[in-house]
Structures are given as structure tokens and as C-alpha cells.
Amino acid sequence: MIKKFADTVVCQEHSSTHVTLQITIEPDLFWFQGHFDTFPLLAGVAQIDWVMHYFAQFIRDDLQFNGIQQVKFQQPIIPNDVITLTIDLASDALLTFEFKADATKSKGKIRLKPKG
């Protein structure tokens, strides 16, 4: 079975427009297969996928990805990292996110549109 999402996800804060999750990055995730053999890291596309997955699970499932307005990958997310993912719904058309450990790993803004 392909494992795309971490098994250890703890919801720390949750409201109708905000969620903060603590995620343990397990080394057996699908995203680490071949990315990269000598220095595995969680690819940017995986991080965006996780943001949208947890956004739909915890905040709104009637909105979908409509493009990236801004994103900055500052430090790699690697196996066994324990990170905090914060997602905020800024409006019906925009969400913001941040992956953080000791420092910010990545952050950005994603444009949204209604599903359908």
C-alpha cells in the first residue's frame, strides 16, 4: 500500500478557519522513494498535497486548489522531522500555510475555487 500521509498527526488547534497540526515525518512515506537516495526530503509538491488534504479534512471540503499565489521553500523536511503545519483560511479564495520545526521549513499562499 502506498503511504502518502504520516500516521502520526496530532491536531493542536482547530476552528472553522484555522488548524495547527503536529506531524511526525515517517521515513517510509511514498514521497521519499527516489527523492533523493542519498538525502531524502519531502518534495514541494508533496507539501502542497498535504496542505490541501488537511485543509479539506479540518477546515473546508467544498473548496479546491486553484493555483499557487506564493510559496517559499526555506529548509528541507526530512525523515523523522517533527513539524508543525499551520493552515489558515484567509478568504473563500485564499489560504495560507506554514511548515515549521525549529525554524520555518516552507510557507505560502494557495488560491482556492469552489469544487464542481
PDB file of N, CA and C in Angstrom:
ATOM      1  N   MET A   1       0.834  -1.187   0.000  1.00  0.00           N
ATOM      2  CA  MET A   1       0.000   0.000   0.000  1.00  0.00           C
ATOM      3  C   MET A   1       0.880   1.252   0.000  1.00  0.00           C
ATOM      4  N   ILE A   2       0.523   2.192  -0.823  1.00  0.00           N
ATOM      5  CA  ILE A   2       1.256   3.457  -0.890  1.00  0.00           C
ATOM      6  C   ILE A   2       0.833   4.324   0.293  1.00  0.00           C
ATOM      7  N   LYS A   3       1.824   4.792   1.023  1.00  0.00           N
ATOM      8  CA  LYS A   3       1.571   5.617   2.212  1.00  0.00           C
ATOM      9  C   LYS A   3       1.953   7.058   1.890  1.00  0.00           C
ATOM     10  N   LYS A   4       0.933   7.905   1.594  1.00  0.00           N
ATOM     11  CA  LYS A   4       1.172   9.296   1.217  1.00  0.00           C
ATOM     12  C   LYS A   4       1.201  10.249   2.403  1.00  0.00           C
ATOM     13  N   PHE A   5       0.512   9.862   3.486  1.00  0.00           N
ATOM     14  CA  PHE A   5       0.373  10.764   4.621  1.00  0.00           C
ATOM     15  C   PHE A   5       0.928  10.116   5.881  1.00  0.00           C
ATOM     16  N   ALA A   6       1.408  10.929   6.774  1.00  0.00           N
ATOM     17  CA  ALA A   6       2.002  10.443   8.019  1.00  0.00           C
ATOM     18  C   ALA A   6       0.948   9.770   8.895  1.00  0.00           C
ATOM     19  N   ASP A   7       1.374   8.746   9.630  1.00  0.00           N
ATOM     20  CA  ASP A   7       0.488   8.070  10.577  1.00  0.00           C
ATOM     21  C   ASP A   7       0.300   8.894  11.847  1.00  0.00           C
ATOM     22  N   THR A   8       1.324   9.643  12.227  1.00  0.00           N
ATOM     23  CA  THR A   8       1.296  10.382  13.485  1.00  0.00           C
ATOM     24  C   THR A   8       1.003  11.857  13.220  1.00  0.00           C
ATOM     25  N   VAL A   9      -0.284  12.201  13.337  1.00  0.00           N
ATOM     26  CA  VAL A   9      -0.749  13.573  13.139  1.00  0.00           C
ATOM     27  C   VAL A   9      -1.600  13.932  14.352  1.00  0.00           C
ATOM     28  N   VAL A  10      -1.205  14.975  15.055  1.00  0.00           N
ATOM     29  CA  VAL A  10      -1.927  15.413  16.251  1.00  0.00           C
ATOM     30  C   VAL A  10      -2.468  16.815  16.000  1.00  0.00           C
ATOM     31  N   CYS A  11      -3.779  16.959  16.132  1.00  0.00           N
ATOM     32  CA  CYS A  11      -4.405  18.269  15.974  1.00  0.00           C
ATOM     33  C   CYS A  11      -4.219  19.050  17.269  1.00  0.00           C
ATOM     34  N   GLN A  12      -3.529  20.193  17.177  1.00  0.00           N
ATOM     35  CA  GLN A  12      -3.267  21.012  18.358  1.00  0.00           C
ATOM     36  C   GLN A  12      -4.280  22.139  18.520  1.00  0.00           C
ATOM     37  N   GLU A  13      -4.718  22.709  17.407  1.00  0.00           N
ATOM     38  CA  GLU A  13      -5.725  23.782  17.415  1.00  0.00           C
ATOM     39  C   GLU A  13      -6.607  23.585  16.196  1.00  0.00           C
ATOM     40  N   HIS A  14      -7.891  23.958  16.347  1.00  0.00           N
ATOM     41  CA  HIS A  14      -8.805  23.777  15.227  1.00  0.00           C
ATOM     42  C   HIS A  14      -9.982  24.729  15.370  1.00  0.00           C
ATOM     43  N   SER A  15     -10.317  25.421  14.279  1.00  0.00           N
ATOM     44  CA  SER A  15     -11.521  26.242  14.222  1.00  0.00           C
ATOM     45  C   SER A  15     -12.051  26.158  12.795  1.00  0.00           C
ATOM     46  N   SER A  16     -13.057  26.939  12.490  1.00  0.00           N
ATOM     47  CA  SER A  16     -13.631  26.899  11.143  1.00  0.00           C
ATOM     48  C   SER A  16     -12.721  27.524  10.089  1.00  0.00           C
ATOM     49  N   THR A  17     -11.693  28.257  10.514  1.00  0.00           N
ATOM     50  CA  THR A  17     -10.779  28.896   9.560  1.00  0.00           C
ATOM     51  C   THR A  17      -9.307  28.602   9.834  1.00  0.00           C
ATOM     52  N   HIS A  18      -9.019  27.738  10.801  1.00  0.00           N
ATOM     53  CA  HIS A  18      -7.628  27.538  11.219  1.00  0.00           C
ATOM     54  C   HIS A  18      -7.422  26.111  11.724  1.00  0.00           C
ATOM     55  N   VAL A  19      -6.239  25.556  11.425  1.00  0.00           N
ATOM     56  CA  VAL A  19      -5.838  24.291  12.028  1.00  0.00           C
ATOM     57  C   VAL A  19      -4.326  24.305  12.238  1.00  0.00           C
ATOM     58  N   THR A  20      -3.894  23.770  13.360  1.00  0.00           N
ATOM     59  CA  THR A  20      -2.476  23.558  13.644  1.00  0.00           C
ATOM     60  C   THR A  20      -2.298  22.079  13.950  1.00  0.00           C
ATOM     61  N   LEU A  21      -1.421  21.436  13.187  1.00  0.00           N
ATOM     62  CA  LEU A  21      -1.172  20.004  13.321  1.00  0.00           C
ATOM     63  C   LEU A  21       0.289  19.754  13.640  1.00  0.00           C
ATOM     64  N   GLN A  22       0.546  18.766  14.472  1.00  0.00           N
ATOM     65  CA  GLN A  22       1.918  18.302  14.693  1.00  0.00           C
ATOM     66  C   GLN A  22       2.044  16.981  13.942  1.00  0.00           C
ATOM     67  N   ILE A  23       3.033  16.909  13.057  1.00  0.00           N
ATOM     68  CA  ILE A  23       3.186  15.758  12.167  1.00  0.00           C
ATOM     69  C   ILE A  23       4.585  15.183  12.319  1.00  0.00           C
ATOM     70  N   THR A  24       4.654  13.875  12.547  1.00  0.00           N
ATOM     71  CA  THR A  24       5.938  13.175  12.558  1.00  0.00           C
ATOM     72  C   THR A  24       6.168  12.615  11.159  1.00  0.00           C
ATOM     73  N   ILE A  25       7.273  12.986  10.561  1.00  0.00           N
ATOM     74  CA  ILE A  25       7.581  12.601   9.181  1.00  0.00           C
ATOM     75  C   ILE A  25       8.249  11.232   9.177  1.00  0.00           C
ATOM     76  N   GLU A  26       7.472  10.202   8.852  1.00  0.00           N
ATOM     77  CA  GLU A  26       7.992   8.837   8.867  1.00  0.00           C
ATOM     78  C   GLU A  26       8.840   8.561   7.621  1.00  0.00           C
ATOM     79  N   PRO A  27       9.935   7.821   7.769  1.00  0.00           N
ATOM     80  CA  PRO A  27      10.838   7.571   6.642  1.00  0.00           C
ATOM     81  C   PRO A  27      10.275   6.644   5.573  1.00  0.00           C
ATOM     82  N   ASP A  28       9.159   5.944   5.845  1.00  0.00           N
ATOM     83  CA  ASP A  28       8.619   5.004   4.859  1.00  0.00           C
ATOM     84  C   ASP A  28       7.534   5.613   3.972  1.00  0.00           C
ATOM     85  N   LEU A  29       7.403   6.928   3.961  1.00  0.00           N
ATOM     86  CA  LEU A  29       6.407   7.578   3.118  1.00  0.00           C
ATOM     87  C   LEU A  29       6.752   7.428   1.639  1.00  0.00           C
ATOM     88  N   PHE A  30       5.730   7.316   0.813  1.00  0.00           N
ATOM     89  CA  PHE A  30       5.856   7.223  -0.641  1.00  0.00           C
ATOM     90  C   PHE A  30       6.757   8.322  -1.209  1.00  0.00           C
ATOM     91  N   TRP A  31       6.627   9.517  -0.679  1.00  0.00           N
ATOM     92  CA  TRP A  31       7.326  10.682  -1.227  1.00  0.00           C
ATOM     93  C   TRP A  31       8.846  10.565  -1.152  1.00  0.00           C
ATOM     94  N   PHE A  32       9.369   9.720  -0.278  1.00  0.00           N
ATOM     95  CA  PHE A  32      10.819   9.590  -0.136  1.00  0.00           C
ATOM     96  C   PHE A  32      11.425   8.570  -1.099  1.00  0.00           C
ATOM     97  N   GLN A  33      10.614   7.806  -1.805  1.00  0.00           N
ATOM     98  CA  GLN A  33      11.121   6.804  -2.736  1.00  0.00           C
ATOM     99  C   GLN A  33      11.789   7.504  -3.919  1.00  0.00           C
ATOM    100  N   GLY A  34      13.129   7.468  -3.941  1.00  0.00           N
ATOM    101  CA  GLY A  34      13.882   8.069  -5.038  1.00  0.00           C
ATOM    102  C   GLY A  34      14.015   9.575  -4.962  1.00  0.00           C
ATOM    103  N   HIS A  35      13.627  10.173  -3.885  1.00  0.00           N
ATOM    104  CA  HIS A  35      13.687  11.648  -3.772  1.00  0.00           C
ATOM    105  C   HIS A  35      14.370  12.046  -2.476  1.00  0.00           C
ATOM    106  N   PHE A  36      15.529  12.052  -2.326  1.00  0.00           N
ATOM    107  CA  PHE A  36      16.636  11.561  -3.141  1.00  0.00           C
ATOM    108  C   PHE A  36      17.299  10.421  -2.389  1.00  0.00           C
ATOM    109  N   ASP A  37      17.970   9.530  -3.096  1.00  0.00           N
ATOM    110  CA  ASP A  37      18.542   8.342  -2.458  1.00  0.00           C
ATOM    111  C   ASP A  37      19.527   8.680  -1.344  1.00  0.00           C
ATOM    112  N   THR A  38      20.387   9.660  -1.559  1.00  0.00           N
ATOM    113  CA  THR A  38      21.407   9.991  -0.561  1.00  0.00           C
ATOM    114  C   THR A  38      20.952  11.063   0.430  1.00  0.00           C
ATOM    115  N   PHE A  39      19.890  11.784   0.109  1.00  0.00           N
ATOM    116  CA  PHE A  39      19.377  12.824   1.004  1.00  0.00           C
ATOM    117  C   PHE A  39      17.866  12.945   0.804  1.00  0.00           C
ATOM    118  N   PRO A  40      17.092  12.026   1.408  1.00  0.00           N
ATOM    119  CA  PRO A  40      15.644  12.076   1.203  1.00  0.00           C
ATOM    120  C   PRO A  40      15.035  13.346   1.789  1.00  0.00           C
ATOM    121  N   LEU A  41      14.092  13.932   1.030  1.00  0.00           N
ATOM    122  CA  LEU A  41      13.378  15.108   1.513  1.00  0.00           C
ATOM    123  C   LEU A  41      11.962  15.098   0.984  1.00  0.00           C
ATOM    124  N   LEU A  42      11.080  15.771   1.695  1.00  0.00           N
ATOM    125  CA  LEU A  42       9.679  15.858   1.306  1.00  0.00           C
ATOM    126  C   LEU A  42       9.552  16.937   0.237  1.00  0.00           C
ATOM    127  N   ALA A  43       9.234  16.516  -0.967  1.00  0.00           N
ATOM    128  CA  ALA A  43       9.169  17.424  -2.113  1.00  0.00           C
ATOM    129  C   ALA A  43       8.105  18.502  -1.918  1.00  0.00           C
ATOM    130  N   GLY A  44       8.313  19.609  -2.602  1.00  0.00           N
ATOM    131  CA  GLY A  44       7.354  20.708  -2.535  1.00  0.00           C
ATOM    132  C   GLY A  44       5.958  20.293  -2.964  1.00  0.00           C
ATOM    133  N   VAL A  45       5.861  19.471  -4.009  1.00  0.00           N
ATOM    134  CA  VAL A  45       4.548  19.012  -4.477  1.00  0.00           C
ATOM    135  C   VAL A  45       3.850  18.197  -3.391  1.00  0.00           C
ATOM    136  N   ALA A  46       4.603  17.434  -2.618  1.00  0.00           N
ATOM    137  CA  ALA A  46       4.031  16.668  -1.504  1.00  0.00           C
ATOM    138  C   ALA A  46       3.526  17.613  -0.415  1.00  0.00           C
ATOM    139  N   GLN A  47       4.285  18.648  -0.127  1.00  0.00           N
ATOM    140  CA  GLN A  47       3.872  19.602   0.903  1.00  0.00           C
ATOM    141  C   GLN A  47       2.560  20.285   0.512  1.00  0.00           C
ATOM    142  N   ILE A  48       2.436  20.688  -0.753  1.00  0.00           N
ATOM    143  CA  ILE A  48       1.200  21.312  -1.227  1.00  0.00           C
ATOM    144  C   ILE A  48       0.046  20.310  -1.145  1.00  0.00           C
ATOM    145  N   ASP A  49       0.309  19.055  -1.527  1.00  0.00           N
ATOM    146  CA  ASP A  49      -0.699  17.998  -1.441  1.00  0.00           C
ATOM    147  C   ASP A  49      -1.183  17.834   0.001  1.00  0.00           C
ATOM    148  N   TRP A  50      -0.258  17.836   0.954  1.00  0.00           N
ATOM    149  CA  TRP A  50      -0.615  17.707   2.370  1.00  0.00           C
ATOM    150  C   TRP A  50      -1.454  18.900   2.832  1.00  0.00           C
ATOM    151  N   VAL A  51      -1.067  20.096   2.432  1.00  0.00           N
ATOM    152  CA  VAL A  51      -1.832  21.289   2.820  1.00  0.00           C
ATOM    153  C   VAL A  51      -3.280  21.143   2.356  1.00  0.00           C
ATOM    154  N   MET A  52      -3.468  20.770   1.091  1.00  0.00           N
ATOM    155  CA  MET A  52      -4.825  20.654   0.564  1.00  0.00           C
ATOM    156  C   MET A  52      -5.586  19.500   1.228  1.00  0.00           C
ATOM    157  N   HIS A  53      -4.914  18.407   1.497  1.00  0.00           N
ATOM    158  CA  HIS A  53      -5.544  17.260   2.163  1.00  0.00           C
ATOM    159  C   HIS A  53      -6.043  17.645   3.563  1.00  0.00           C
ATOM    160  N   TYR A  54      -5.168  18.252   4.358  1.00  0.00           N
ATOM    161  CA  TYR A  54      -5.551  18.607   5.726  1.00  0.00           C
ATOM    162  C   TYR A  54      -6.504  19.799   5.763  1.00  0.00           C
ATOM    163  N   PHE A  55      -6.415  20.689   4.787  1.00  0.00           N
ATOM    164  CA  PHE A  55      -7.381  21.782   4.670  1.00  0.00           C
ATOM    165  C   PHE A  55      -8.787  21.202   4.481  1.00  0.00           C
ATOM    166  N   ALA A  56      -8.920  20.244   3.556  1.00  0.00           N
ATOM    167  CA  ALA A  56     -10.225  19.623   3.300  1.00  0.00           C
ATOM    168  C   ALA A  56     -10.708  18.817   4.505  1.00  0.00           C
ATOM    169  N   GLN A  57      -9.798  18.158   5.187  1.00  0.00           N
ATOM    170  CA  GLN A  57     -10.173  17.321   6.331  1.00  0.00           C
ATOM    171  C   GLN A  57     -10.626  18.147   7.535  1.00  0.00           C
ATOM    172  N   PHE A  58      -9.960  19.265   7.790  1.00  0.00           N
ATOM    173  CA  PHE A  58     -10.211  20.004   9.032  1.00  0.00           C
ATOM    174  C   PHE A  58     -10.956  21.334   8.862  1.00  0.00           C
ATOM    175  N   ILE A  59     -10.894  21.946   7.689  1.00  0.00           N
ATOM    176  CA  ILE A  59     -11.472  23.294   7.565  1.00  0.00           C
ATOM    177  C   ILE A  59     -12.649  23.319   6.585  1.00  0.00           C
ATOM    178  N   ARG A  60     -12.377  23.119   5.295  1.00  0.00           N
ATOM    179  CA  ARG A  60     -13.443  23.179   4.284  1.00  0.00           C
ATOM    180  C   ARG A  60     -13.177  22.140   3.212  1.00  0.00           C
ATOM    181  N   ASP A  61     -14.192  21.357   2.891  1.00  0.00           N
ATOM    182  CA  ASP A  61     -14.026  20.380   1.822  1.00  0.00           C
ATOM    183  C   ASP A  61     -14.780  20.776   0.553  1.00  0.00           C
ATOM    184  N   ASP A  62     -15.335  21.994   0.533  1.00  0.00           N
ATOM    185  CA  ASP A  62     -16.058  22.469  -0.645  1.00  0.00           C
ATOM    186  C   ASP A  62     -15.207  23.382  -1.528  1.00  0.00           C
ATOM    187  N   LEU A  63     -13.945  23.577  -1.162  1.00  0.00           N
ATOM    188  CA  LEU A  63     -13.022  24.394  -1.950  1.00  0.00           C
ATOM    189  C   LEU A  63     -11.873  23.520  -2.427  1.00  0.00           C
ATOM    190  N   GLN A  64     -11.290  23.885  -3.576  1.00  0.00           N
ATOM    191  CA  GLN A  64     -10.179  23.112  -4.121  1.00  0.00           C
ATOM    192  C   GLN A  64      -9.064  24.028  -4.613  1.00  0.00           C
ATOM    193  N   PHE A  65      -7.937  23.423  -4.897  1.00  0.00           N
ATOM    194  CA  PHE A  65      -6.739  24.107  -5.374  1.00  0.00           C
ATOM    195  C   PHE A  65      -7.038  24.853  -6.674  1.00  0.00           C
ATOM    196  N   ASN A  66      -6.567  26.098  -6.746  1.00  0.00           N
ATOM    197  CA  ASN A  66      -6.721  26.900  -7.962  1.00  0.00           C
ATOM    198  C   ASN A  66      -5.414  27.593  -8.335  1.00  0.00           C
ATOM    199  N   GLY A  67      -4.314  27.166  -7.747  1.00  0.00           N
ATOM    200  CA  GLY A  67      -3.012  27.734  -8.090  1.00  0.00           C
ATOM    201  C   GLY A  67      -2.261  28.216  -6.863  1.00  0.00           C
ATOM    202  N   ILE A  68      -0.984  28.424  -7.076  1.00  0.00           N
ATOM    203  CA  ILE A  68      -0.123  28.920  -6.006  1.00  0.00           C
ATOM    204  C   ILE A  68       0.089  30.407  -6.217  1.00  0.00           C
ATOM    205  N   GLN A  69      -0.250  31.190  -5.223  1.00  0.00           N
ATOM    206  CA  GLN A  69      -0.011  32.635  -5.300  1.00  0.00           C
ATOM    207  C   GLN A  69       1.422  32.948  -4.907  1.00  0.00           C
ATOM    208  N   GLN A  70       1.904  32.243  -3.882  1.00  0.00           N
ATOM    209  CA  GLN A  70       3.263  32.482  -3.386  1.00  0.00           C
ATOM    210  C   GLN A  70       3.688  31.264  -2.588  1.00  0.00           C
ATOM    211  N   VAL A  71       4.943  30.853  -2.740  1.00  0.00           N
ATOM    212  CA  VAL A  71       5.472  29.765  -1.923  1.00  0.00           C
ATOM    213  C   VAL A  71       6.974  29.950  -1.778  1.00  0.00           C
ATOM    214  N   LYS A  72       7.468  29.629  -0.600  1.00  0.00           N
ATOM    215  CA  LYS A  72       8.902  29.718  -0.341  1.00  0.00           C
ATOM    216  C   LYS A  72       9.314  28.475   0.440  1.00  0.00           C
ATOM    217  N   PHE A  73      10.195  27.679  -0.170  1.00  0.00           N
ATOM    218  CA  PHE A  73      10.748  26.502   0.484  1.00  0.00           C
ATOM    219  C   PHE A  73      12.091  26.913   1.066  1.00  0.00           C
ATOM    220  N   GLN A  74      12.173  26.988   2.394  1.00  0.00           N
ATOM    221  CA  GLN A  74      13.343  27.558   3.045  1.00  0.00           C
ATOM    222  C   GLN A  74      14.319  26.522   3.571  1.00  0.00           C
ATOM    223  N   GLN A  75      13.809  25.412   4.091  1.00  0.00           N
ATOM    224  CA  GLN A  75      14.657  24.340   4.619  1.00  0.00           C
ATOM    225  C   GLN A  75      14.001  23.014   4.275  1.00  0.00           C
ATOM    226  N   PRO A  76      14.794  21.972   4.035  1.00  0.00           N
ATOM    227  CA  PRO A  76      14.196  20.681   3.688  1.00  0.00           C
ATOM    228  C   PRO A  76      13.457  20.052   4.869  1.00  0.00           C
ATOM    229  N   ILE A  77      12.401  19.330   4.536  1.00  0.00           N
ATOM    230  CA  ILE A  77      11.706  18.477   5.501  1.00  0.00           C
ATOM    231  C   ILE A  77      12.205  17.067   5.236  1.00  0.00           C
ATOM    232  N   ILE A  78      12.782  16.449   6.255  1.00  0.00           N
ATOM    233  CA  ILE A  78      13.443  15.157   6.078  1.00  0.00           C
ATOM    234  C   ILE A  78      12.815  14.101   6.998  1.00  0.00           C
ATOM    235  N   PRO A  79      13.091  12.819   6.719  1.00  0.00           N
ATOM    236  CA  PRO A  79      12.548  11.762   7.571  1.00  0.00           C
ATOM    237  C   PRO A  79      12.876  11.992   9.047  1.00  0.00           C
ATOM    238  N   ASN A  80      11.914  11.661   9.876  1.00  0.00           N
ATOM    239  CA  ASN A  80      11.976  11.762  11.339  1.00  0.00           C
ATOM    240  C   ASN A  80      11.847  13.182  11.877  1.00  0.00           C
ATOM    241  N   ASP A  81      11.689  14.179  11.008  1.00  0.00           N
ATOM    242  CA  ASP A  81      11.369  15.525  11.489  1.00  0.00           C
ATOM    243  C   ASP A  81      10.009  15.489  12.184  1.00  0.00           C
ATOM    244  N   VAL A  82       9.850  16.307  13.194  1.00  0.00           N
ATOM    245  CA  VAL A  82       8.546  16.560  13.794  1.00  0.00           C
ATOM    246  C   VAL A  82       8.238  18.013  13.475  1.00  0.00           C
ATOM    247  N   ILE A  83       7.206  18.214  12.674  1.00  0.00           N
ATOM    248  CA  ILE A  83       6.911  19.553  12.188  1.00  0.00           C
ATOM    249  C   ILE A  83       5.521  19.994  12.637  1.00  0.00           C
ATOM    250  N   THR A  84       5.330  21.290  12.615  1.00  0.00           N
ATOM    251  CA  THR A  84       4.022  21.876  12.860  1.00  0.00           C
ATOM    252  C   THR A  84       3.535  22.453  11.546  1.00  0.00           C
ATOM    253  N   LEU A  85       2.348  22.045  11.141  1.00  0.00           N
ATOM    254  CA  LEU A  85       1.713  22.598   9.951  1.00  0.00           C
ATOM    255  C   LEU A  85       0.556  23.471  10.411  1.00  0.00           C
ATOM    256  N   THR A  86       0.596  24.738  10.019  1.00  0.00           N
ATOM    257  CA  THR A  86      -0.479  25.677  10.317  1.00  0.00           C
ATOM    258  C   THR A  86      -1.137  26.071   9.003  1.00  0.00           C
ATOM    259  N   ILE A  87      -2.455  25.976   8.962  1.00  0.00           N
ATOM    260  CA  ILE A  87      -3.231  26.366   7.782  1.00  0.00           C
ATOM    261  C   ILE A  87      -4.297  27.351   8.240  1.00  0.00           C
ATOM    262  N   ASP A  88      -4.404  28.464   7.514  1.00  0.00           N
ATOM    263  CA  ASP A  88      -5.420  29.470   7.811  1.00  0.00           C
ATOM    264  C   ASP A  88      -6.186  29.808   6.544  1.00  0.00           C
ATOM    265  N   LEU A  89      -7.503  29.852   6.641  1.00  0.00           N
ATOM    266  CA  LEU A  89      -8.350  30.289   5.541  1.00  0.00           C
ATOM    267  C   LEU A  89      -8.458  31.803   5.628  1.00  0.00           C
ATOM    268  N   ALA A  90      -7.822  32.495   4.680  1.00  0.00           N
ATOM    269  CA  ALA A  90      -7.827  33.962   4.687  1.00  0.00           C
ATOM    270  C   ALA A  90      -9.121  34.505   4.085  1.00  0.00           C
ATOM    271  N   SER A  91      -9.659  33.809   3.078  1.00  0.00           N
ATOM    272  CA  SER A  91     -10.922  34.167   2.430  1.00  0.00           C
ATOM    273  C   SER A  91     -11.394  32.938   1.667  1.00  0.00           C
ATOM    274  N   ASP A  92     -12.561  33.032   1.024  1.00  0.00           N
ATOM    275  CA  ASP A  92     -13.033  31.893   0.231  1.00  0.00           C
ATOM    276  C   ASP A  92     -12.124  31.614  -0.959  1.00  0.00           C
ATOM    277  N   ALA A  93     -11.224  32.524  -1.254  1.00  0.00           N
ATOM    278  CA  ALA A  93     -10.364  32.364  -2.420  1.00  0.00           C
ATOM    279  C   ALA A  93      -8.890  32.181  -2.073  1.00  0.00           C
ATOM    280  N   LEU A  94      -8.520  32.130  -0.773  1.00  0.00           N
ATOM    281  CA  LEU A  94      -7.104  32.086  -0.422  1.00  0.00           C
ATOM    282  C   LEU A  94      -6.878  31.420   0.936  1.00  0.00           C
ATOM    283  N   LEU A  95      -5.860  30.546   0.992  1.00  0.00           N
ATOM    284  CA  LEU A  95      -5.397  30.012   2.269  1.00  0.00           C
ATOM    285  C   LEU A  95      -3.911  30.284   2.405  1.00  0.00           C
ATOM    286  N   THR A  96      -3.447  30.341   3.643  1.00  0.00           N
ATOM    287  CA  THR A  96      -2.018  30.467   3.921  1.00  0.00           C
ATOM    288  C   THR A  96      -1.587  29.244   4.718  1.00  0.00           C
ATOM    289  N   PHE A  97      -0.314  28.877   4.574  1.00  0.00           N
ATOM    290  CA  PHE A  97       0.198  27.723   5.306  1.00  0.00           C
ATOM    291  C   PHE A  97       1.642  27.954   5.708  1.00  0.00           C
ATOM    292  N   GLU A  98       2.066  27.200   6.733  1.00  0.00           N
ATOM    293  CA  GLU A  98       3.461  27.217   7.163  1.00  0.00           C
ATOM    294  C   GLU A  98       3.806  25.856   7.758  1.00  0.00           C
ATOM    295  N   PHE A  99       4.892  25.266   7.258  1.00  0.00           N
ATOM    296  CA  PHE A  99       5.502  24.090   7.869  1.00  0.00           C
ATOM    297  C   PHE A  99       6.663  24.603   8.701  1.00  0.00           C
ATOM    298  N   LYS A 100       6.715  24.209   9.989  1.00  0.00           N
ATOM    299  CA  LYS A 100       7.735  24.759  10.877  1.00  0.00           C
ATOM    300  C   LYS A 100       8.245  23.678  11.824  1.00  0.00           C
ATOM    301  N   ALA A 101       9.534  23.696  12.111  1.00  0.00           N
ATOM    302  CA  ALA A 101      10.131  22.882  13.173  1.00  0.00           C
ATOM    303  C   ALA A 101      10.810  23.888  14.091  1.00  0.00           C
ATOM    304  N   ASP A 102      12.136  23.847  14.176  1.00  0.00           N
ATOM    305  CA  ASP A 102      12.841  24.890  14.924  1.00  0.00           C
ATOM    306  C   ASP A 102      12.742  26.224  14.199  1.00  0.00           C
ATOM    307  N   ALA A 103      12.667  26.143  12.884  1.00  0.00           N
ATOM    308  CA  ALA A 103      12.541  27.325  12.033  1.00  0.00           C
ATOM    309  C   ALA A 103      11.526  26.999  10.938  1.00  0.00           C
ATOM    310  N   THR A 104      11.135  28.005  10.181  1.00  0.00           N
ATOM    311  CA  THR A 104      10.200  27.787   9.085  1.00  0.00           C
ATOM    312  C   THR A 104      10.849  26.921   8.020  1.00  0.00           C
ATOM    313  N   LYS A 105      10.138  25.871   7.621  1.00  0.00           N
ATOM    314  CA  LYS A 105      10.594  24.978   6.550  1.00  0.00           C
ATOM    315  C   LYS A 105      10.060  25.460   5.203  1.00  0.00           C
ATOM    316  N   SER A 106       8.782  25.821   5.178  1.00  0.00           N
ATOM    317  CA  SER A 106       8.167  26.384   3.977  1.00  0.00           C
ATOM    318  C   SER A 106       6.915  27.139   4.394  1.00  0.00           C
ATOM    319  N   LYS A 107       6.502  28.040   3.525  1.00  0.00           N
ATOM    320  CA  LYS A 107       5.266  28.782   3.769  1.00  0.00           C
ATOM    321  C   LYS A 107       4.761  29.314   2.446  1.00  0.00           C
ATOM    322  N   GLY A 108       3.479  29.611   2.409  1.00  0.00           N
ATOM    323  CA  GLY A 108       2.950  30.113   1.158  1.00  0.00           C
ATOM    324  C   GLY A 108       1.477  30.446   1.225  1.00  0.00           C
ATOM    325  N   LYS A 109       0.973  30.799   0.031  1.00  0.00           N
ATOM    326  CA  LYS A 109      -0.432  31.145  -0.153  1.00  0.00           C
ATOM    327  C   LYS A 109      -0.938  30.361  -1.353  1.00  0.00           C
ATOM    328  N   ILE A 110      -2.102  29.753  -1.191  1.00  0.00           N
ATOM    329  CA  ILE A 110      -2.713  28.955  -2.250  1.00  0.00           C
ATOM    330  C   ILE A 110      -4.073  29.556  -2.587  1.00  0.00           C
ATOM    331  N   ARG A 111      -4.290  29.773  -3.895  1.00  0.00           N
ATOM    332  CA  ARG A 111      -5.589  30.259  -4.360  1.00  0.00           C
ATOM    333  C   ARG A 111      -6.581  29.093  -4.376  1.00  0.00           C
ATOM    334  N   LEU A 112      -7.827  29.394  -4.062  1.00  0.00           N
ATOM    335  CA  LEU A 112      -8.878  28.388  -3.970  1.00  0.00           C
ATOM    336  C   LEU A 112     -10.032  28.733  -4.901  1.00  0.00           C
ATOM    337  N   LYS A 113     -10.806  27.707  -5.249  1.00  0.00           N
ATOM    338  CA  LYS A 113     -12.043  27.897  -6.007  1.00  0.00           C
ATOM    339  C   LYS A 113     -13.045  26.847  -5.533  1.00  0.00           C
ATOM    340  N   PRO A 114     -14.334  27.096  -5.761  1.00  0.00           N
ATOM    341  CA  PRO A 114     -15.337  26.105  -5.359  1.00  0.00           C
ATOM    342  C   PRO A 114     -15.161  24.803  -6.140  1.00  0.00           C
ATOM    343  N   LYS A 115     -15.451  23.690  -5.488  1.00  0.00           N
ATOM    344  CA  LYS A 115     -15.431  22.397  -6.180  1.00  0.00           C
ATOM    345  C   LYS A 115     -16.625  22.331  -7.120  1.00  0.00           C
ATOM    346  N   GLY A 116     -16.437  21.586  -8.193  1.00  0.00           N
ATOM    347  CA  GLY A 116     -17.573  21.353  -9.076  1.00  0.00           C
ATOM    348  C   GLY A 116     -17.442  21.893 -10.432  1.00  0.00           C
TER     349      GLY A 116
END
